[in-house]
């Protein structure tokens, strides 16, 4: 939790309480349904919560923004972002029901009012959103093809509507087809922990 406060010192008391509750909730649920690797659960705040919040360093979503989290798994990046932006509407979807069940239980336990969780495949999602976010869910080209009809035309944020994707490793080939419009962010520019040295975020306006 100190890690979150190191980078986000201005959280409200409600936000602090919600972030603090995550460790116990995920540890408890992960013992029943494996949504985070068992070895990794002690790194929850660094590897999952803070990593998700890299998106909050790239954009400050305005109140009323709608965000779709594709392949959310146990709720990343959607749940940390929903805590950070209580005036923003999040929809978290995943094709694996038991993962959505865990994310739903966590969201309910911390009284997150701005998230809707659905067990569904991306191809079934017909609504439109200002932004789509995801964490290494599939190759960029595949994801862009699937979400192109899910992005609203009207803009309300400083960045044009589009996709923000958290990725690791070598991305030159993957972003090649979009290099004229894509912006690549080094997560290590925001967070100094060694874990983030290979982590990147890709923004593609659509």
Protein backbone atom coordinates (compact mmCIF):
# COMPACT_ATOMS: atom_id res chain seq x y z
CA UNK A 1 0.00 0.00 0.00
CA UNK A 2 2.96 2.37 0.70
CA UNK A 3 3.85 1.84 -2.95
CA UNK A 4 0.51 3.25 -4.11
CA UNK A 5 0.82 6.25 -1.78
CA UNK A 6 4.37 6.88 -2.98
CA UNK A 7 3.06 7.69 -6.45
CA UNK A 8 -0.49 8.76 -5.63
CA UNK A 9 -0.23 10.69 -2.35
CA UNK A 10 -3.51 12.60 -2.77
CA UNK A 11 -5.96 9.71 -2.47
CA UNK A 12 -9.17 10.26 -0.52
CA UNK A 13 -9.82 8.22 2.63
CA UNK A 14 -12.33 6.10 0.68
CA UNK A 15 -9.76 5.37 -2.04
CA UNK A 16 -7.11 4.44 0.55
CA UNK A 17 -9.54 2.07 2.28
CA UNK A 18 -10.47 0.46 -1.05
CA UNK A 19 -6.86 0.00 -2.15
CA UNK A 20 -5.88 -1.35 1.29
CA UNK A 21 -8.65 -3.97 1.16
CA UNK A 22 -7.42 -5.46 -2.11
CA UNK A 23 -4.59 -7.55 -0.67
CA UNK A 24 -6.72 -9.51 1.75
CA UNK A 25 -9.54 -9.93 -0.77
CA UNK A 26 -7.32 -11.17 -3.58
CA UNK A 27 -5.32 -13.44 -1.25
CA UNK A 28 -8.53 -15.01 0.02
CA UNK A 29 -10.10 -15.45 -3.41
CA UNK A 30 -6.87 -16.57 -5.05
CA UNK A 31 -6.68 -19.48 -2.62
CA UNK A 32 -10.00 -20.71 -4.06
CA UNK A 33 -9.76 -19.61 -7.70
CA UNK A 34 -6.37 -18.92 -9.22
CA UNK A 35 -6.57 -15.48 -10.89
CA UNK A 36 -3.04 -14.38 -10.00
CA UNK A 37 -0.11 -16.79 -9.95
CA UNK A 38 0.32 -18.12 -6.40
CA UNK A 39 3.96 -17.00 -6.33
CA UNK A 40 2.97 -13.51 -7.41
CA UNK A 41 0.23 -12.72 -4.88
CA UNK A 42 2.67 -11.05 -2.46
CA UNK A 43 3.58 -8.68 -5.31
CA UNK A 44 -0.07 -7.72 -5.81
CA UNK A 45 0.44 -3.98 -5.34
CA UNK A 46 3.54 -3.67 -7.50
CA UNK A 47 2.84 -6.15 -10.31
CA UNK A 48 -0.92 -5.71 -10.61
CA UNK A 49 -2.34 -2.64 -8.86
CA UNK A 50 0.45 -0.14 -9.58
CA UNK A 51 0.99 -1.58 -13.07
CA UNK A 52 -2.71 -0.97 -13.81
CA UNK A 53 -2.36 2.61 -12.57
CA UNK A 54 0.24 3.39 -15.23
CA UNK A 55 -2.83 4.26 -17.32
CA UNK A 56 -3.70 6.96 -14.75
CA UNK A 57 -0.28 8.52 -15.46
CA UNK A 58 -1.02 8.64 -19.19
CA UNK A 59 -4.53 10.09 -18.98
CA UNK A 60 -6.71 11.68 -16.32
CA UNK A 61 -10.14 10.45 -17.43
CA UNK A 62 -12.79 13.16 -17.16
CA UNK A 63 -15.99 12.56 -15.16
CA UNK A 64 -18.55 10.75 -17.28
CA UNK A 65 -15.97 8.95 -19.44
CA UNK A 66 -16.84 5.33 -20.29
CA UNK A 67 -14.08 2.72 -20.32
CA UNK A 68 -14.18 -0.93 -21.42
CA UNK A 69 -11.60 -3.28 -19.84
CA UNK A 70 -11.14 -6.23 -22.19
CA UNK A 71 -9.99 -9.56 -20.75
CA UNK A 72 -9.97 -8.14 -17.24
CA UNK A 73 -9.19 -11.50 -15.56
CA UNK A 74 -9.44 -10.86 -11.83
CA UNK A 75 -10.08 -7.15 -12.44
CA UNK A 76 -6.90 -5.60 -13.88
CA UNK A 77 -6.51 -2.87 -14.92
CA UNK A 78 -10.21 -2.08 -14.38
CA UNK A 79 -10.61 -2.29 -10.59
CA UNK A 80 -7.59 -0.12 -9.66
CA UNK A 81 -8.63 2.41 -12.32
CA UNK A 82 -12.23 2.43 -11.06
CA UNK A 83 -10.96 3.21 -7.55
CA UNK A 84 -8.75 5.99 -8.95
CA UNK A 85 -11.53 7.51 -11.08
CA UNK A 86 -14.81 7.22 -9.13
CA UNK A 87 -16.65 9.53 -11.58
CA UNK A 88 -15.80 7.34 -14.58
CA UNK A 89 -17.93 4.39 -15.75
CA UNK A 90 -16.09 1.11 -16.22
CA UNK A 91 -17.25 -2.11 -17.84
CA UNK A 92 -15.04 -5.15 -17.18
CA UNK A 93 -15.46 -8.17 -19.41
CA UNK A 94 -13.79 -11.57 -19.58
CA UNK A 95 -14.62 -14.81 -21.35
CA UNK A 96 -13.71 -16.87 -18.24
CA UNK A 97 -16.62 -16.89 -15.82
CA UNK A 98 -14.74 -17.79 -12.65
CA UNK A 99 -12.36 -14.84 -13.12
CA UNK A 100 -15.27 -12.43 -13.53
CA UNK A 101 -16.82 -13.95 -10.40
CA UNK A 102 -13.70 -13.06 -8.41
CA UNK A 103 -13.57 -9.53 -9.82
CA UNK A 104 -17.27 -9.10 -9.02
CA UNK A 105 -16.79 -10.26 -5.43
CA UNK A 106 -13.84 -7.89 -4.97
CA UNK A 107 -15.73 -4.93 -6.49
CA UNK A 108 -18.75 -5.63 -4.26
CA UNK A 109 -16.61 -6.03 -1.13
CA UNK A 110 -15.08 -2.56 -1.57
CA UNK A 111 -18.41 -1.01 -2.66
CA UNK A 112 -17.23 0.04 -6.11
CA UNK A 113 -20.28 1.72 -7.63
CA UNK A 114 -18.82 2.64 -11.02
CA UNK A 115 -18.14 -0.81 -12.45
CA UNK A 116 -20.28 -3.29 -14.36
CA UNK A 117 -18.79 -6.78 -14.75
CA UNK A 118 -19.86 -9.17 -17.50
CA UNK A 119 -18.94 -12.73 -18.39
CA UNK A 120 -18.72 -12.36 -22.16
CA UNK A 121 -16.41 -12.44 -25.16
CA UNK A 122 -15.32 -9.16 -26.72
CA UNK A 123 -17.09 -10.08 -29.97
CA UNK A 124 -20.41 -10.01 -28.06
CA UNK A 125 -19.93 -6.47 -26.74
CA UNK A 126 -22.04 -4.07 -28.83
CA UNK A 127 -21.85 -0.89 -26.73
CA UNK A 128 -19.57 2.05 -27.49
CA UNK A 129 -16.99 3.54 -25.10
CA UNK A 130 -14.60 6.46 -24.99
CA UNK A 131 -11.64 4.18 -24.27
CA UNK A 132 -10.78 0.51 -24.31
CA UNK A 133 -8.04 -0.62 -21.90
CA UNK A 134 -6.37 -3.99 -21.57
CA UNK A 135 -3.37 -5.74 -20.11
CA UNK A 136 -1.56 -7.97 -22.61
CA UNK A 137 -4.74 -9.78 -23.54
CA UNK A 138 -3.98 -10.52 -27.22
CA UNK A 139 -1.81 -9.23 -30.09
CA UNK A 140 -2.47 -5.56 -30.84
CA UNK A 141 -3.68 -6.14 -34.41
CA UNK A 142 -6.30 -8.67 -33.30
CA UNK A 143 -7.52 -6.38 -30.51
CA UNK A 144 -7.84 -3.34 -32.78
CA UNK A 145 -9.90 -5.31 -35.31
CA UNK A 146 -12.27 -6.44 -32.57
CA UNK A 147 -12.79 -3.06 -30.87
CA UNK A 148 -13.00 -0.71 -33.84
CA UNK A 149 -16.81 -0.56 -33.58
CA UNK A 150 -16.74 -0.09 -29.79
CA UNK A 151 -15.20 3.40 -29.77
CA UNK A 152 -17.43 6.48 -29.53
CA UNK A 153 -16.99 9.33 -31.99
CA UNK A 154 -17.70 12.19 -29.52
CA UNK A 155 -14.62 13.26 -27.54
CA UNK A 156 -14.58 14.58 -23.97
CA UNK A 157 -10.99 13.89 -22.87
CA UNK A 158 -7.63 15.56 -23.52
CA UNK A 159 -6.55 12.51 -25.55
CA UNK A 160 -8.74 11.43 -28.49
CA UNK A 161 -10.77 8.26 -27.85
CA UNK A 162 -8.99 5.00 -28.48
CA UNK A 163 -7.10 2.04 -27.03
CA UNK A 164 -4.63 2.05 -24.13
CA UNK A 165 -2.90 -1.27 -23.76
CA UNK A 166 -0.37 -2.38 -21.12
CA UNK A 167 2.30 -4.60 -22.64
CA UNK A 168 5.70 -6.06 -21.84
CA UNK A 169 8.75 -6.89 -23.89
CA UNK A 170 9.56 -6.05 -27.49
CA UNK A 171 6.77 -4.22 -29.30
CA UNK A 172 8.41 -2.82 -32.44
CA UNK A 173 6.87 -5.43 -34.76
CA UNK A 174 3.47 -5.27 -33.11
CA UNK A 175 3.07 -1.51 -33.39
CA UNK A 176 4.67 -1.27 -36.86
CA UNK A 177 1.32 -1.10 -38.73
CA UNK A 178 0.18 1.74 -36.41
CA UNK A 179 3.47 3.63 -36.03
CA UNK A 180 2.08 6.82 -37.60
CA UNK A 181 -0.57 7.15 -34.88
CA UNK A 182 0.61 4.98 -31.97
CA UNK A 183 2.25 6.48 -28.90
CA UNK A 184 4.51 4.28 -26.82
CA UNK A 185 5.00 5.06 -23.12
CA UNK A 186 7.71 3.54 -20.93
CA UNK A 187 6.10 2.65 -17.59
CA UNK A 188 9.56 3.08 -16.00
CA UNK A 189 9.22 6.83 -16.71
CA UNK A 190 6.49 6.89 -14.04
CA UNK A 191 7.49 4.13 -11.61
CA UNK A 192 11.11 3.48 -10.56
CA UNK A 193 10.80 -0.17 -9.42
CA UNK A 194 12.87 -2.64 -11.45
CA UNK A 195 9.78 -4.63 -12.40
CA UNK A 196 8.69 -1.82 -14.72
CA UNK A 197 11.87 -1.60 -16.81
CA UNK A 198 10.39 -3.76 -19.59
CA UNK A 199 6.78 -2.59 -19.21
CA UNK A 200 5.18 -0.35 -21.77
CA UNK A 201 1.83 1.20 -22.54
CA UNK A 202 0.61 1.69 -26.09
CA UNK A 203 -1.97 4.36 -26.94
CA UNK A 204 -3.70 4.21 -30.31
CA UNK A 205 -6.33 6.83 -31.14
CA UNK A 206 -9.26 5.40 -33.11
